[in-house]
N, C-alpha and C. Protein backbone atom coordinates (compact mmCIF):
# COMPACT_ATOMS: atom_id res chain seq x y z
N MET A 1 25.59 24.75 32.74
CA MET A 1 26.05 24.13 31.32
C MET A 1 25.21 22.99 31.45
N ASN A 2 23.93 22.46 30.59
CA ASN A 2 23.07 21.28 30.04
C ASN A 2 23.94 19.68 29.77
N GLN A 3 24.34 19.44 30.04
CA GLN A 3 24.82 18.04 29.78
C GLN A 3 23.97 17.43 28.24
N PRO A 4 24.46 16.67 27.47
CA PRO A 4 23.83 16.23 26.33
C PRO A 4 22.62 15.29 26.64
N ILE A 5 21.65 14.72 26.53
CA ILE A 5 21.14 13.88 26.84
C ILE A 5 21.27 12.92 25.99
N THR A 6 21.45 11.65 27.15
CA THR A 6 21.73 10.70 26.25
C THR A 6 20.55 9.02 25.70
N LEU A 7 19.76 9.28 24.57
CA LEU A 7 19.04 8.37 24.43
C LEU A 7 19.37 6.96 24.69
N SER A 8 18.44 5.69 24.74
CA SER A 8 18.42 4.27 24.87
C SER A 8 18.29 3.81 23.34
N GLU A 9 18.95 2.82 22.88
CA GLU A 9 18.74 2.71 21.62
C GLU A 9 17.53 2.47 20.62
N THR A 10 16.38 2.28 22.10
CA THR A 10 15.39 2.43 21.33
C THR A 10 14.40 4.16 20.58
N ALA A 11 14.83 4.32 22.15
CA ALA A 11 14.56 5.92 21.68
C ALA A 11 15.12 6.56 20.73
N ALA A 12 16.37 6.20 20.68
CA ALA A 12 17.03 6.87 19.63
C ALA A 12 16.88 6.60 18.15
N ARG A 13 16.33 4.85 18.54
CA ARG A 13 15.22 4.88 16.67
C ARG A 13 13.86 5.26 16.49
N ALA A 14 13.19 5.86 17.98
CA ALA A 14 11.94 6.28 17.41
C ALA A 14 12.19 7.87 16.81
N LEU A 15 13.31 8.64 17.35
CA LEU A 15 13.57 9.69 17.17
C LEU A 15 13.73 9.72 15.86
N GLU A 16 14.67 8.71 14.91
CA GLU A 16 15.14 8.83 13.69
C GLU A 16 13.87 8.45 12.48
N ASN A 17 12.93 7.78 13.32
CA ASN A 17 11.98 7.43 12.98
C ASN A 17 10.92 8.74 12.58
N GLU A 18 10.52 9.21 13.72
CA GLU A 18 9.73 10.49 14.04
C GLU A 18 10.67 11.28 12.75
N LEU A 19 11.78 11.70 12.85
CA LEU A 19 12.58 12.52 11.85
C LEU A 19 12.95 12.11 10.40
N ALA A 20 12.61 10.75 10.08
CA ALA A 20 12.52 10.51 8.77
C ALA A 20 10.96 10.62 8.23
N HIS A 21 9.78 10.66 8.88
CA HIS A 21 8.30 11.10 8.70
C HIS A 21 8.61 12.29 8.45
N LEU A 22 9.19 12.87 9.09
CA LEU A 22 8.96 14.38 9.28
C LEU A 22 9.92 15.37 7.67
N ILE A 23 11.04 14.63 7.31
CA ILE A 23 11.78 15.05 6.38
C ILE A 23 10.78 14.45 5.11
N VAL A 24 10.06 13.10 4.85
CA VAL A 24 9.40 13.12 4.05
C VAL A 24 7.98 14.38 3.28
N GLU A 25 7.48 13.99 4.99
CA GLU A 25 6.24 15.19 5.12
C GLU A 25 6.43 16.55 4.50
N VAL A 26 7.40 17.12 5.43
CA VAL A 26 7.78 18.21 4.96
C VAL A 26 8.78 18.68 3.08
N LEU A 27 9.58 17.95 2.96
CA LEU A 27 10.02 17.66 1.97
C LEU A 27 9.11 17.02 0.87
N HIS A 28 8.33 16.69 0.78
CA HIS A 28 7.06 15.85 -0.08
C HIS A 28 8.10 15.03 -0.87
N LEU A 29 9.26 14.17 0.25
CA LEU A 29 9.14 13.60 -1.23
C LEU A 29 8.42 11.95 -1.34
N GLU A 30 8.53 11.16 -2.44
CA GLU A 30 8.30 9.85 -2.53
C GLU A 30 8.45 8.72 -2.10
N ASN A 31 9.85 8.91 -1.26
CA ASN A 31 10.29 7.64 -0.37
C ASN A 31 9.29 7.56 0.78
N LYS A 32 9.06 6.47 1.47
CA LYS A 32 8.74 5.86 2.33
C LYS A 32 9.77 6.13 3.46
N PRO A 33 9.02 7.07 4.73
CA PRO A 33 10.31 7.19 5.77
C PRO A 33 10.67 6.13 6.29
N GLU A 34 10.22 4.74 6.39
CA GLU A 34 11.23 3.78 6.78
C GLU A 34 12.44 3.19 5.59
N SER A 35 12.07 3.43 5.03
CA SER A 35 13.17 3.20 3.29
C SER A 35 14.21 3.88 3.57
N LEU A 36 14.61 5.34 4.56
CA LEU A 36 15.41 5.96 4.66
C LEU A 36 16.55 5.62 5.26
N ASP A 37 17.68 5.06 4.84
CA ASP A 37 18.66 4.53 5.47
C ASP A 37 19.41 6.17 6.33
N PRO A 38 19.31 5.39 7.97
CA PRO A 38 20.00 6.27 8.63
C PRO A 38 21.40 6.86 8.79
N LEU A 39 22.10 5.92 7.89
CA LEU A 39 23.66 6.56 7.83
C LEU A 39 23.71 7.16 6.65
N ALA A 40 23.09 6.94 5.52
CA ALA A 40 23.27 7.64 4.46
C ALA A 40 23.38 9.26 4.55
N PRO A 41 24.08 10.07 3.34
CA PRO A 41 24.04 11.25 3.28
C PRO A 41 22.37 11.73 2.97
N LEU A 42 22.24 13.13 3.94
CA LEU A 42 21.51 13.55 3.38
C LEU A 42 21.40 14.36 2.01
N PHE A 43 22.44 14.96 1.82
CA PHE A 43 22.98 16.02 0.71
C PHE A 43 23.31 15.24 -0.02
N GLY A 44 23.41 15.74 -1.53
CA GLY A 44 24.62 15.13 -2.59
C GLY A 44 23.72 14.34 -2.95
N GLU A 45 24.80 12.75 -2.58
CA GLU A 45 24.65 11.92 -3.58
C GLU A 45 23.87 10.41 -3.07
N GLY A 46 23.52 11.12 -1.79
CA GLY A 46 22.48 10.07 -0.54
C GLY A 46 21.23 10.62 -0.86
N LEU A 47 20.82 11.03 0.05
CA LEU A 47 19.07 11.72 -0.30
C LEU A 47 18.48 13.00 -1.02
N GLY A 48 19.99 13.56 -1.67
CA GLY A 48 19.99 13.90 -2.65
C GLY A 48 19.18 15.29 -2.53
N LEU A 49 19.23 16.11 -0.99
CA LEU A 49 18.63 17.19 -0.95
C LEU A 49 19.55 18.66 -0.85
N ASP A 50 18.82 19.55 -1.43
CA ASP A 50 19.18 20.55 -1.46
C ASP A 50 19.45 21.71 -0.28
N SER A 51 20.12 23.28 -0.67
CA SER A 51 20.03 24.13 0.73
C SER A 51 18.62 24.34 0.62
N ILE A 52 17.81 25.00 -0.56
CA ILE A 52 16.28 25.09 0.14
C ILE A 52 15.47 23.84 0.84
N ASP A 53 15.95 22.43 1.02
CA ASP A 53 15.57 21.93 1.47
C ASP A 53 15.75 21.47 2.70
N ALA A 54 17.35 22.59 3.27
CA ALA A 54 17.67 22.43 4.28
C ALA A 54 16.69 23.23 5.53
N LEU A 55 17.14 24.33 4.56
CA LEU A 55 15.95 25.77 5.05
C LEU A 55 14.49 25.29 5.99
N GLU A 56 13.83 24.51 4.57
CA GLU A 56 12.62 23.81 4.96
C GLU A 56 12.71 22.69 6.18
N LEU A 57 13.26 22.23 6.26
CA LEU A 57 13.62 21.62 7.38
C LEU A 57 14.27 21.85 8.34
N ALA A 58 15.48 22.60 8.63
CA ALA A 58 15.47 23.15 9.63
C ALA A 58 14.31 24.12 10.40
N LEU A 59 13.58 24.74 9.38
CA LEU A 59 12.20 25.63 10.12
C LEU A 59 11.38 24.31 10.55
N ALA A 60 10.77 23.53 9.90
CA ALA A 60 10.74 22.31 10.31
C ALA A 60 10.69 21.83 11.89
N ILE A 61 11.83 21.74 11.86
CA ILE A 61 12.74 21.00 13.40
C ILE A 61 13.00 22.22 14.31
N SER A 62 12.91 23.43 13.98
CA SER A 62 12.72 23.69 15.34
C SER A 62 11.42 24.01 15.41
N ARG A 63 10.10 24.24 14.48
CA ARG A 63 8.50 24.24 15.55
C ARG A 63 8.84 22.72 16.17
N ARG A 64 8.75 21.42 15.73
CA ARG A 64 8.76 20.66 16.19
C ARG A 64 9.49 19.93 17.38
N PHE A 65 10.97 20.29 17.39
CA PHE A 65 11.67 19.68 18.39
C PHE A 65 12.21 21.35 18.99
N GLY A 66 11.78 22.72 19.01
CA GLY A 66 11.87 23.69 19.59
C GLY A 66 13.81 23.59 19.79
N ILE A 67 14.40 23.61 18.59
CA ILE A 67 15.61 23.99 18.46
C ILE A 67 16.38 24.90 17.34
N GLU A 68 17.17 25.49 17.23
CA GLU A 68 17.31 26.45 16.50
C GLU A 68 18.39 26.05 15.04
N LEU A 69 18.54 26.28 14.01
CA LEU A 69 19.25 25.44 13.26
C LEU A 69 19.79 27.23 12.59
N LYS A 70 21.00 27.26 12.80
CA LYS A 70 21.27 28.22 11.75
C LYS A 70 22.48 28.78 10.50
N SER A 71 21.50 28.87 9.43
CA SER A 71 22.65 28.68 8.11
C SER A 71 24.63 28.98 8.35
N ASP A 72 24.34 29.52 9.12
CA ASP A 72 25.99 30.16 9.05
C ASP A 72 26.53 29.42 10.06
N ASP A 73 25.66 28.20 10.93
CA ASP A 73 26.59 27.67 11.78
C ASP A 73 27.98 26.87 11.33
N GLU A 74 29.26 26.79 11.72
CA GLU A 74 30.16 25.79 11.29
C GLU A 74 29.91 24.62 11.12
N ARG A 75 29.01 23.95 12.41
CA ARG A 75 28.61 22.48 12.10
C ARG A 75 27.74 21.67 11.50
N ASN A 76 27.28 23.12 10.59
CA ASN A 76 26.10 21.93 9.49
C ASN A 76 26.53 20.82 8.79
N ARG A 77 27.48 21.15 8.41
CA ARG A 77 27.87 19.80 7.77
C ARG A 77 27.98 18.81 8.36
N GLN A 78 28.21 18.68 9.59
CA GLN A 78 28.27 17.24 10.93
C GLN A 78 26.92 17.21 10.93
N ILE A 79 25.94 17.99 10.87
CA ILE A 79 24.71 18.34 11.54
C ILE A 79 23.84 17.62 10.85
N PHE A 80 23.72 17.91 9.87
CA PHE A 80 23.44 17.47 8.15
C PHE A 80 23.85 16.14 7.74
N ALA A 81 24.58 15.18 8.36
CA ALA A 81 25.22 14.00 7.74
C ALA A 81 24.57 13.01 7.02
N SER A 82 24.01 13.76 7.96
CA SER A 82 23.00 12.07 7.63
C SER A 82 21.45 11.84 8.76
N LEU A 83 21.04 11.55 8.54
CA LEU A 83 19.80 11.00 9.20
C LEU A 83 19.77 10.57 10.96
N ARG A 84 20.83 9.85 11.00
CA ARG A 84 21.35 9.40 12.47
C ARG A 84 22.27 10.97 12.77
N ALA A 85 23.15 11.72 12.62
CA ALA A 85 23.39 12.66 12.96
C ALA A 85 22.52 14.14 13.17
N LEU A 86 21.69 13.92 12.57
CA LEU A 86 20.49 14.83 12.81
C LEU A 86 19.40 14.27 13.97
N ALA A 87 19.32 13.45 14.16
CA ALA A 87 18.81 12.87 15.30
C ALA A 87 19.16 12.93 16.00
N GLY A 88 20.36 12.87 16.18
CA GLY A 88 21.40 12.84 17.55
C GLY A 88 21.57 14.49 18.16
N HIS A 89 22.31 15.41 16.97
CA HIS A 89 21.88 16.69 17.22
C HIS A 89 20.38 17.45 18.03
N ILE A 90 19.19 16.62 17.59
CA ILE A 90 18.04 17.21 17.90
C ILE A 90 17.81 16.57 19.40
N ALA A 91 18.40 15.18 19.66
CA ALA A 91 18.58 14.59 21.25
C ALA A 91 19.32 15.33 22.25
N ALA A 92 20.22 15.85 21.69
CA ALA A 92 21.21 16.60 22.72
C ALA A 92 20.52 18.11 23.16
N HIS A 93 19.41 18.75 21.79
CA HIS A 93 19.27 20.18 22.23
C HIS A 93 17.93 20.45 21.89
N ARG A 94 17.05 19.54 21.82
CA ARG A 94 15.40 19.51 22.22
C ARG A 94 15.05 20.13 23.31
N THR A 95 14.19 21.51 23.04
CA THR A 95 13.25 21.63 24.17
C THR A 95 12.59 20.70 23.94
N LYS A 96 11.45 20.75 23.14
CA LYS A 96 9.96 20.06 23.59
C LYS A 96 9.82 18.70 23.40
């Protein structure tokens, strides 16, 4: 069984930054990537993403990082809770 990868603080922030750029680019947001709060919710009152955004984002993440995010995964609320949570999940499961 694969052990989760533990990132240094610098590497974790770099991944969050890369992911913020991906979110803004893929979803055509008017926000600047550096303005995204890594702890703010991605859905609802946070960034305001919806289920269509989640599908587009999951596809982009799959392509960029080589991980599969399934719509029926019970952990999706946790995985997509915030930019930081999503980056942590990617760091632990990425193949690229």
